[in-house]
């Protein structure tokens, strides 16, 4: 990795990872703001704002924004998460100036045209409806809200439909002004580029960002609990959630443990649940880390009649794993972890996202040897301790389907 970092006078950080063997670039603006920075009254504003940024600026219409990047064969998109909003582009290396100028335009000069806002409001309401109609998607929102009740961290990224229907133009403009400041933003780029030229372009175009200190979010406090929704479905969708580890803790160990538990076809849960017993079509475990907390999620899609034996097997395997985890499993998990990391380096977009997120979290970029060394240094004792912590911590259970699941008293 050839990482270079420059902080502009206003606090805006520019980070690049040059790759001379490709002909393209990926560049974007990552802002440290997502749904957890919203209030109950503004839930959904971060996502709504992300949509509106593409709907016209002082100099371009929504169509002209799309045409400007696509006419040179490029691509422009965005996403909102609980902690981050990102706007990013991909293009040929010679079109980096166009990509930077477009990103700067939509982030500094968006006009939030009322007519465009009404059209986009309808689009987002359709997105909410589609998510609600997709059980294996919406169930994670229910799990999150149950795990972190009455907190911004637990609320939906899309927001509730009734709030989106009422959200005003001024709400989005105020939200943008409160959070899209230079010190809250990172411009990251990877590909065939020159760092100094990148810094010059960013400095020339990103010159109208609000200068005040960005607002902060409330701390996340994991609670756990139960949510069960009855729907006339053929499948029962189940998510079990447990307190994981934040980015400031050993999130590598949490990721490794979840991989051994249910991260692939050779994992404990896949073998026991699907291969040996045929209790579920889908079964997986996943670790998610955030700035101040983390989650371990186990998802399964099963038939209602298999729900009880499925829960029994999951509980049994979670209790058994800390006592029986093998060196072979740990080595295999580490190899999968490292191969996934190294394979991701072949994508300029993935590399840009990675270095941007690390800058937002750590204010530096970890080198690949540093990360691999950390993965290699994880000991069996660390994993055993984490596994014991999981089965002794409060559980979150969320289900959607035609039947309920008996809630286990304990593991």
Protein backbone atom coordinates (compact mmCIF):
# COMPACT_ATOMS: atom_id res chain seq x y z
CA UNK A 1 0.00 0.00 0.00
CA UNK A 2 1.27 3.48 -0.90
CA UNK A 3 -0.81 5.54 1.49
CA UNK A 4 -0.41 9.30 1.57
CA UNK A 5 -2.38 11.64 3.83
CA UNK A 6 -2.74 15.41 3.71
CA UNK A 7 -4.84 17.59 6.01
CA UNK A 8 -5.95 20.85 4.42
CA UNK A 9 -5.99 24.12 6.43
CA UNK A 10 -9.73 23.81 7.12
CA UNK A 11 -9.32 20.29 8.58
CA UNK A 12 -10.45 18.31 5.53
CA UNK A 13 -8.38 15.12 5.26
CA UNK A 14 -7.29 13.75 1.88
CA UNK A 15 -5.98 10.19 1.71
CA UNK A 16 -4.83 8.27 -1.34
CA UNK A 17 -3.57 4.83 -2.25
CA UNK A 18 -1.81 4.92 -5.62
CA UNK A 19 -1.96 1.82 -7.84
CA UNK A 20 0.09 2.25 -10.99
CA UNK A 21 -1.03 -1.03 -12.60
CA UNK A 22 -4.65 0.01 -13.19
CA UNK A 23 -6.19 2.53 -15.59
CA UNK A 24 -9.02 3.70 -13.31
CA UNK A 25 -9.61 5.60 -10.10
CA UNK A 26 -12.15 5.38 -7.31
CA UNK A 27 -12.73 8.51 -5.28
CA UNK A 28 -15.29 9.61 -2.74
CA UNK A 29 -16.25 11.71 0.23
CA UNK A 30 -16.94 9.82 3.46
CA UNK A 31 -18.75 11.78 6.15
CA UNK A 32 -18.91 10.75 9.79
CA UNK A 33 -22.68 10.92 10.03
CA UNK A 34 -25.45 8.36 9.70
CA UNK A 35 -28.75 7.42 11.25
CA UNK A 36 -27.36 7.32 14.79
CA UNK A 37 -26.83 11.09 14.60
CA UNK A 38 -30.56 11.68 14.13
CA UNK A 39 -33.26 12.48 16.67
CA UNK A 40 -36.60 10.70 16.85
CA UNK A 41 -38.08 13.59 14.88
CA UNK A 42 -35.41 13.51 12.15
CA UNK A 43 -35.05 9.73 11.76
CA UNK A 44 -34.39 9.09 8.07
CA UNK A 45 -32.89 12.52 7.37
CA UNK A 46 -29.35 11.26 6.66
CA UNK A 47 -30.64 8.83 4.02
CA UNK A 48 -33.13 11.33 2.54
CA UNK A 49 -30.32 13.89 2.29
CA UNK A 50 -28.08 11.41 0.49
CA UNK A 51 -30.81 10.94 -2.14
CA UNK A 52 -31.39 14.67 -2.55
CA UNK A 53 -27.73 15.49 -3.12
CA UNK A 54 -28.07 14.04 -6.64
CA UNK A 55 -31.23 15.97 -7.47
CA UNK A 56 -29.79 19.24 -8.65
CA UNK A 57 -27.25 21.92 -7.74
CA UNK A 58 -26.91 25.62 -8.45
CA UNK A 59 -25.32 24.80 -11.80
CA UNK A 60 -26.68 21.35 -12.77
CA UNK A 61 -30.02 19.57 -12.93
CA UNK A 62 -30.34 15.95 -11.73
CA UNK A 63 -30.05 14.80 -15.35
CA UNK A 64 -26.96 16.93 -15.95
CA UNK A 65 -25.26 15.42 -12.88
CA UNK A 66 -25.81 11.91 -14.24
CA UNK A 67 -24.82 12.91 -17.76
CA UNK A 68 -21.58 14.59 -16.63
CA UNK A 69 -20.17 11.39 -15.13
CA UNK A 70 -21.71 8.88 -17.52
CA UNK A 71 -20.60 10.77 -20.65
CA UNK A 72 -17.01 9.94 -19.70
CA UNK A 73 -17.86 6.32 -18.86
CA UNK A 74 -17.88 6.93 -15.11
CA UNK A 75 -20.13 5.92 -12.25
CA UNK A 76 -21.52 7.97 -9.34
CA UNK A 77 -23.38 6.65 -6.32
CA UNK A 78 -23.83 6.94 -2.54
CA UNK A 79 -24.92 5.05 0.56
CA UNK A 80 -25.96 5.74 4.15
CA UNK A 81 -25.15 3.54 7.13
CA UNK A 82 -25.62 3.99 10.86
CA UNK A 83 -22.34 5.87 11.25
CA UNK A 84 -21.33 7.00 7.78
CA UNK A 85 -22.65 8.64 4.62
CA UNK A 86 -20.56 8.19 1.49
CA UNK A 87 -20.62 9.70 -2.00
CA UNK A 88 -18.26 8.05 -4.46
CA UNK A 89 -17.31 7.83 -8.11
CA UNK A 90 -15.34 5.58 -10.43
CA UNK A 91 -13.82 6.68 -13.70
CA UNK A 92 -10.82 6.38 -15.98
CA UNK A 93 -7.71 7.92 -14.45
CA UNK A 94 -7.79 10.97 -16.75
CA UNK A 95 -11.28 11.90 -15.52
CA UNK A 96 -10.35 12.34 -11.85
CA UNK A 97 -10.87 16.14 -12.12
CA UNK A 98 -14.45 15.62 -13.33
CA UNK A 99 -15.18 13.17 -10.51
CA UNK A 100 -13.80 15.55 -7.86
CA UNK A 101 -15.66 18.54 -9.26
CA UNK A 102 -18.96 16.62 -9.36
CA UNK A 103 -18.58 15.39 -5.79
CA UNK A 104 -17.77 18.90 -4.61
CA UNK A 105 -20.76 20.30 -6.49
CA UNK A 106 -23.36 17.96 -5.02
CA UNK A 107 -21.96 18.30 -1.48
CA UNK A 108 -21.72 22.09 -1.48
CA UNK A 109 -24.26 23.40 -3.99
CA UNK A 110 -27.33 21.16 -3.75
CA UNK A 111 -30.52 23.26 -3.95
CA UNK A 112 -33.06 20.76 -2.56
CA UNK A 113 -35.60 21.70 -5.18
CA UNK A 114 -39.10 21.22 -3.68
CA UNK A 115 -40.46 19.47 -6.77
CA UNK A 116 -37.51 17.07 -6.85
CA UNK A 117 -37.91 16.49 -3.13
CA UNK A 118 -41.52 15.39 -3.57
CA UNK A 119 -40.53 12.93 -6.28
CA UNK A 120 -37.70 11.54 -4.18
CA UNK A 121 -39.96 11.31 -1.15
CA UNK A 122 -42.12 8.90 -3.15
CA UNK A 123 -39.05 6.90 -4.19
CA UNK A 124 -37.91 6.53 -0.57
CA UNK A 125 -41.40 5.52 0.56
CA UNK A 126 -41.27 2.80 -2.11
CA UNK A 127 -37.85 1.75 -0.81
CA UNK A 128 -39.26 1.50 2.73
CA UNK A 129 -42.21 -0.55 1.46
CA UNK A 130 -39.89 -2.87 -0.46
CA UNK A 131 -37.72 -3.38 2.62
CA UNK A 132 -40.78 -4.10 4.77
CA UNK A 133 -41.90 -6.67 2.19
CA UNK A 134 -38.52 -8.46 2.38
CA UNK A 135 -38.44 -10.44 5.64
CA UNK A 136 -34.78 -11.42 5.49
CA UNK A 137 -33.95 -7.72 5.15
CA UNK A 138 -36.31 -5.96 7.57
CA UNK A 139 -35.68 -8.52 10.30
CA UNK A 140 -32.24 -6.99 10.90
CA UNK A 141 -33.85 -3.61 11.52
CA UNK A 142 -36.12 -5.24 14.10
CA UNK A 143 -33.14 -6.96 15.71
CA UNK A 144 -31.19 -3.70 15.86
CA UNK A 145 -34.09 -1.81 17.41
CA UNK A 146 -34.61 -4.58 19.97
CA UNK A 147 -30.92 -4.77 20.84
CA UNK A 148 -30.66 -0.99 21.27
CA UNK A 149 -34.17 0.11 22.32
CA UNK A 150 -35.14 3.80 22.52
CA UNK A 151 -31.80 4.85 21.03
CA UNK A 152 -30.80 6.48 17.77
CA UNK A 153 -28.42 3.57 17.16
CA UNK A 154 -31.35 1.16 17.12
CA UNK A 155 -33.59 3.07 14.74
CA UNK A 156 -33.98 2.36 11.03
CA UNK A 157 -31.63 3.99 8.53
CA UNK A 158 -34.52 4.58 6.12
CA UNK A 159 -36.74 6.06 8.82
CA UNK A 160 -40.45 5.41 9.35
CA UNK A 161 -42.81 6.18 6.46
CA UNK A 162 -44.87 8.71 8.42
CA UNK A 163 -41.79 10.83 9.19
CA UNK A 164 -40.55 10.67 5.59
CA UNK A 165 -43.98 11.83 4.41
CA UNK A 166 -43.70 14.92 6.63
CA UNK A 167 -39.98 15.70 6.40
CA UNK A 168 -39.30 19.27 5.33
CA UNK A 169 -36.68 20.75 3.04
CA UNK A 170 -35.30 22.82 5.93
CA UNK A 171 -34.73 19.67 7.99
CA UNK A 172 -32.40 18.25 5.35
CA UNK A 173 -30.58 21.54 4.85
CA UNK A 174 -30.07 21.95 8.60
CA UNK A 175 -28.86 18.36 8.90
CA UNK A 176 -26.33 18.89 6.12
CA UNK A 177 -25.10 22.15 7.63
CA UNK A 178 -24.71 20.49 11.03
CA UNK A 179 -22.64 17.52 9.90
CA UNK A 180 -20.99 18.05 6.48
CA UNK A 181 -18.03 20.03 7.84
CA UNK A 182 -14.38 19.59 6.77
CA UNK A 183 -13.15 17.96 10.01
CA UNK A 184 -16.04 15.48 9.79
CA UNK A 185 -15.16 14.41 6.25
CA UNK A 186 -12.49 12.38 4.46
CA UNK A 187 -11.78 12.47 0.73
CA UNK A 188 -10.31 9.10 -0.25
CA UNK A 189 -9.04 7.96 -3.64
CA UNK A 190 -7.33 4.86 -5.00
CA UNK A 191 -6.05 3.91 -8.42
CA UNK A 192 -3.72 5.42 -10.99
CA UNK A 193 -3.32 8.89 -9.51
CA UNK A 194 -0.87 11.41 -8.12
CA UNK A 195 -1.46 12.42 -4.51
CA UNK A 196 -0.35 16.03 -4.89
CA UNK A 197 -2.63 16.55 -7.89
CA UNK A 198 -5.49 15.00 -5.92
CA UNK A 199 -4.87 17.38 -3.01
CA UNK A 200 -4.80 20.33 -5.40
CA UNK A 201 -8.12 19.34 -6.96
CA UNK A 202 -9.77 18.82 -3.57
CA UNK A 203 -8.45 22.13 -2.28
CA UNK A 204 -9.68 23.98 -5.35
CA UNK A 205 -13.21 22.52 -5.35
CA UNK A 206 -14.05 21.72 -1.71
CA UNK A 207 -13.93 25.31 -0.51
CA UNK A 208 -17.51 26.02 0.62
CA UNK A 209 -18.07 23.49 3.41
CA UNK A 210 -19.57 24.71 6.72
CA UNK A 211 -16.84 25.57 9.20
CA UNK A 212 -18.46 24.88 12.57
CA UNK A 213 -17.76 21.85 14.75
CA UNK A 214 -19.96 18.87 13.79
CA UNK A 215 -22.63 17.55 16.13
CA UNK A 216 -22.02 14.30 18.03
CA UNK A 217 -24.18 11.22 18.58
CA UNK A 218 -25.41 9.59 21.76
CA UNK A 219 -23.59 6.52 23.09
CA UNK A 220 -24.97 3.11 22.16
CA UNK A 221 -26.03 0.86 25.05
CA UNK A 222 -26.76 -2.77 24.23
CA UNK A 223 -29.82 -4.18 26.04
CA UNK A 224 -31.21 -7.19 24.17
CA UNK A 225 -34.77 -8.45 24.12
CA UNK A 226 -37.37 -10.20 21.97
CA UNK A 227 -39.30 -9.19 18.85
CA UNK A 228 -41.63 -11.64 17.08
CA UNK A 229 -43.89 -10.70 14.16
CA UNK A 230 -46.52 -13.01 12.75
CA UNK A 231 -46.79 -13.11 8.95
CA UNK A 232 -48.31 -15.81 6.71
CA UNK A 233 -44.96 -16.92 5.27
CA UNK A 234 -43.65 -20.30 4.21
CA UNK A 235 -40.32 -19.60 5.90
CA UNK A 236 -39.59 -18.49 9.43
CA UNK A 237 -36.82 -15.89 9.53
CA UNK A 238 -34.77 -15.87 12.74
CA UNK A 239 -31.98 -13.60 13.95
CA UNK A 240 -30.13 -14.06 17.21
CA UNK A 241 -28.02 -11.10 18.30
CA UNK A 242 -25.28 -10.78 20.93
CA UNK A 243 -23.00 -8.00 22.12
CA UNK A 244 -19.85 -7.99 20.00
CA UNK A 245 -16.82 -5.72 19.95
CA UNK A 246 -16.28 -2.18 18.77
CA UNK A 247 -13.55 -0.99 16.42
CA UNK A 248 -11.64 0.22 19.49
CA UNK A 249 -11.63 -3.34 20.89
CA UNK A 250 -10.44 -6.62 19.36
CA UNK A 251 -12.86 -6.66 16.46
CA UNK A 252 -10.51 -8.95 14.52
CA UNK A 253 -11.04 -11.63 17.17
CA UNK A 254 -14.82 -11.17 17.08
CA UNK A 255 -14.81 -11.49 13.28
CA UNK A 256 -12.67 -14.62 13.42
CA UNK A 257 -14.91 -16.23 16.04
CA UNK A 258 -18.09 -15.50 14.06
CA UNK A 259 -16.46 -16.98 10.96
CA UNK A 260 -15.66 -20.23 12.77
CA UNK A 261 -19.17 -20.31 14.22
CA UNK A 262 -21.08 -19.65 11.01
CA UNK A 263 -19.04 -17.89 8.36
CA UNK A 264 -18.82 -20.49 5.64
CA UNK A 265 -19.76 -23.98 4.46
CA UNK A 266 -17.22 -25.61 6.79
CA UNK A 267 -18.38 -23.61 9.83
CA UNK A 268 -19.94 -25.24 12.88
CA UNK A 269 -23.45 -23.95 12.29
CA UNK A 270 -23.57 -24.72 8.56
CA UNK A 271 -22.37 -28.27 9.14
CA UNK A 272 -24.62 -29.00 12.11
CA UNK A 273 -27.76 -27.14 11.01
CA UNK A 274 -27.85 -27.64 7.26
CA UNK A 275 -25.53 -30.47 6.28
CA UNK A 276 -26.20 -32.93 9.12
CA UNK A 277 -29.80 -32.13 10.02
CA UNK A 278 -31.30 -30.15 7.12
CA UNK A 279 -32.96 -27.73 9.54
CA UNK A 280 -32.47 -24.57 7.46
CA UNK A 281 -31.79 -23.45 3.93
CA UNK A 282 -29.82 -20.42 5.11
CA UNK A 283 -27.67 -20.28 8.24
CA UNK A 284 -24.83 -17.84 8.91
CA UNK A 285 -23.08 -15.81 11.59
CA UNK A 286 -21.67 -12.33 11.09
CA UNK A 287 -19.74 -9.80 13.18
CA UNK A 288 -20.42 -6.06 12.89
CA UNK A 289 -18.23 -3.47 14.61
CA UNK A 290 -18.96 0.21 15.19
CA UNK A 291 -17.20 3.11 16.89
CA UNK A 292 -18.39 2.24 20.41
CA UNK A 293 -20.11 -1.15 20.24
CA UNK A 294 -20.50 -4.28 18.16
CA UNK A 295 -22.86 -7.14 17.33
CA UNK A 296 -22.67 -10.82 16.54
CA UNK A 297 -25.69 -11.89 14.48
CA UNK A 298 -26.83 -15.40 13.63
CA UNK A 299 -29.42 -15.56 10.84
CA UNK A 300 -31.43 -18.59 9.77
CA UNK A 301 -34.26 -19.15 7.31
CA UNK A 302 -36.19 -22.30 8.19
CA UNK A 303 -39.64 -23.91 8.07
CA UNK A 304 -41.92 -23.26 11.06
CA UNK A 305 -41.89 -26.92 12.09
CA UNK A 306 -38.09 -26.92 12.30
CA UNK A 307 -37.88 -23.77 14.42
CA UNK A 308 -37.55 -25.43 17.83
CA UNK A 309 -34.91 -28.01 16.87
CA UNK A 310 -33.05 -25.25 14.99
CA UNK A 311 -32.89 -23.10 18.12
CA UNK A 312 -31.73 -26.07 20.16
CA UNK A 313 -28.87 -26.83 17.76
CA UNK A 314 -27.76 -23.17 17.64
CA UNK A 315 -27.70 -22.96 21.43
CA UNK A 316 -25.86 -26.27 21.69
CA UNK A 317 -23.19 -25.23 19.20
CA UNK A 318 -22.70 -21.83 20.82
CA UNK A 319 -22.14 -23.46 24.20
CA UNK A 320 -19.91 -26.17 22.76
CA UNK A 321 -17.64 -24.05 20.55
CA UNK A 322 -15.61 -22.32 23.32
CA UNK A 323 -14.86 -25.73 24.86
CA UNK A 324 -14.00 -27.54 21.63
CA UNK A 325 -12.55 -24.96 19.23
CA UNK A 326 -9.56 -26.49 17.44
CA UNK A 327 -6.25 -25.16 16.17
CA UNK A 328 -7.27 -26.35 12.70
CA UNK A 329 -10.45 -24.26 12.79
CA UNK A 330 -8.52 -21.21 13.98
CA UNK A 331 -5.90 -21.59 11.25
CA UNK A 332 -8.58 -22.07 8.58
CA UNK A 333 -10.48 -19.03 9.86
CA UNK A 334 -7.35 -16.90 9.83
CA UNK A 335 -6.55 -18.00 6.27
CA UNK A 336 -10.07 -17.08 5.14
CA UNK A 337 -9.81 -13.74 6.92
CA UNK A 338 -6.47 -12.90 5.29
CA UNK A 339 -7.46 -14.09 1.83
CA UNK A 340 -10.63 -11.99 1.96
CA UNK A 341 -8.58 -8.98 2.98
CA UNK A 342 -6.00 -9.44 0.21
CA UNK A 343 -8.64 -10.18 -2.44
CA UNK A 344 -10.42 -6.95 -1.55
CA UNK A 345 -7.26 -5.05 -2.46
CA UNK A 346 -7.90 -5.93 -6.10
CA UNK A 347 -10.87 -3.55 -6.10
CA UNK A 348 -10.12 0.17 -6.16
CA UNK A 349 -13.57 0.92 -4.75
CA UNK A 350 -13.07 -1.45 -1.80
CA UNK A 351 -9.64 0.03 -1.12
CA UNK A 352 -10.99 3.59 -1.15
CA UNK A 353 -13.78 2.64 1.25
CA UNK A 354 -11.35 0.86 3.56
CA UNK A 355 -8.85 3.71 3.87
CA UNK A 356 -11.65 6.26 4.30
CA UNK A 357 -13.30 4.31 7.09
CA UNK A 358 -10.01 3.81 8.87
CA UNK A 359 -9.33 7.53 8.73
CA UNK A 360 -12.76 8.26 10.21
CA UNK A 361 -12.29 5.71 13.00
CA UNK A 362 -8.55 5.83 13.79
CA UNK A 363 -7.38 8.98 11.98
CA UNK A 364 -4.77 6.81 10.27
CA UNK A 365 -4.60 3.87 7.86
CA UNK A 366 -3.39 0.52 9.10
CA UNK A 367 -0.92 -1.21 6.80
CA UNK A 368 -1.67 -4.66 5.42
CA UNK A 369 1.28 -6.26 7.29
CA UNK A 370 -0.01 -4.65 10.49
CA UNK A 371 -3.49 -6.08 9.98
CA UNK A 372 -2.19 -9.54 9.05
CA UNK A 373 0.09 -9.52 12.09
CA UNK A 374 -2.92 -8.68 14.27
CA UNK A 375 -4.93 -11.54 12.76
CA UNK A 376 -2.02 -13.97 13.22
CA UNK A 377 -1.56 -12.91 16.84
CA UNK A 378 -5.09 -13.93 17.88
CA UNK A 379 -4.76 -16.77 20.40
CA UNK A 380 -7.12 -19.62 21.19
CA UNK A 381 -7.53 -18.22 24.72
CA UNK A 382 -8.83 -14.94 23.25
CA UNK A 383 -11.46 -16.78 21.22
CA UNK A 384 -12.51 -19.00 24.12
CA UNK A 385 -12.98 -15.93 26.32
CA UNK A 386 -15.07 -14.22 23.68
CA UNK A 387 -17.21 -17.32 23.12
CA UNK A 388 -17.95 -17.61 26.83
CA UNK A 389 -18.84 -13.91 26.91
CA UNK A 390 -21.36 -14.45 24.09
CA UNK A 391 -23.32 -17.21 25.78
CA UNK A 392 -23.36 -15.30 29.09
CA UNK A 393 -24.48 -11.95 27.69
CA UNK A 394 -28.08 -10.77 27.07
CA UNK A 395 -29.53 -12.19 23.87
CA UNK A 396 -31.60 -10.47 21.20
CA UNK A 397 -34.15 -12.58 19.35
CA UNK A 398 -36.08 -11.39 16.29
CA UNK A 399 -38.39 -13.56 14.19
CA UNK A 400 -40.78 -13.03 11.29
CA UNK A 401 -43.09 -15.80 10.16
CA UNK A 402 -46.22 -17.80 10.80
CA UNK A 403 -45.11 -19.15 14.17
CA UNK A 404 -43.36 -17.95 17.30
CA UNK A 405 -40.12 -19.30 18.69
CA UNK A 406 -39.83 -20.38 22.29
CA UNK A 407 -37.53 -17.89 23.97
CA UNK A 408 -34.68 -19.67 25.76
CA UNK A 409 -34.33 -18.72 29.40
CA UNK A 410 -30.56 -19.00 29.15
CA UNK A 411 -27.85 -20.88 27.36
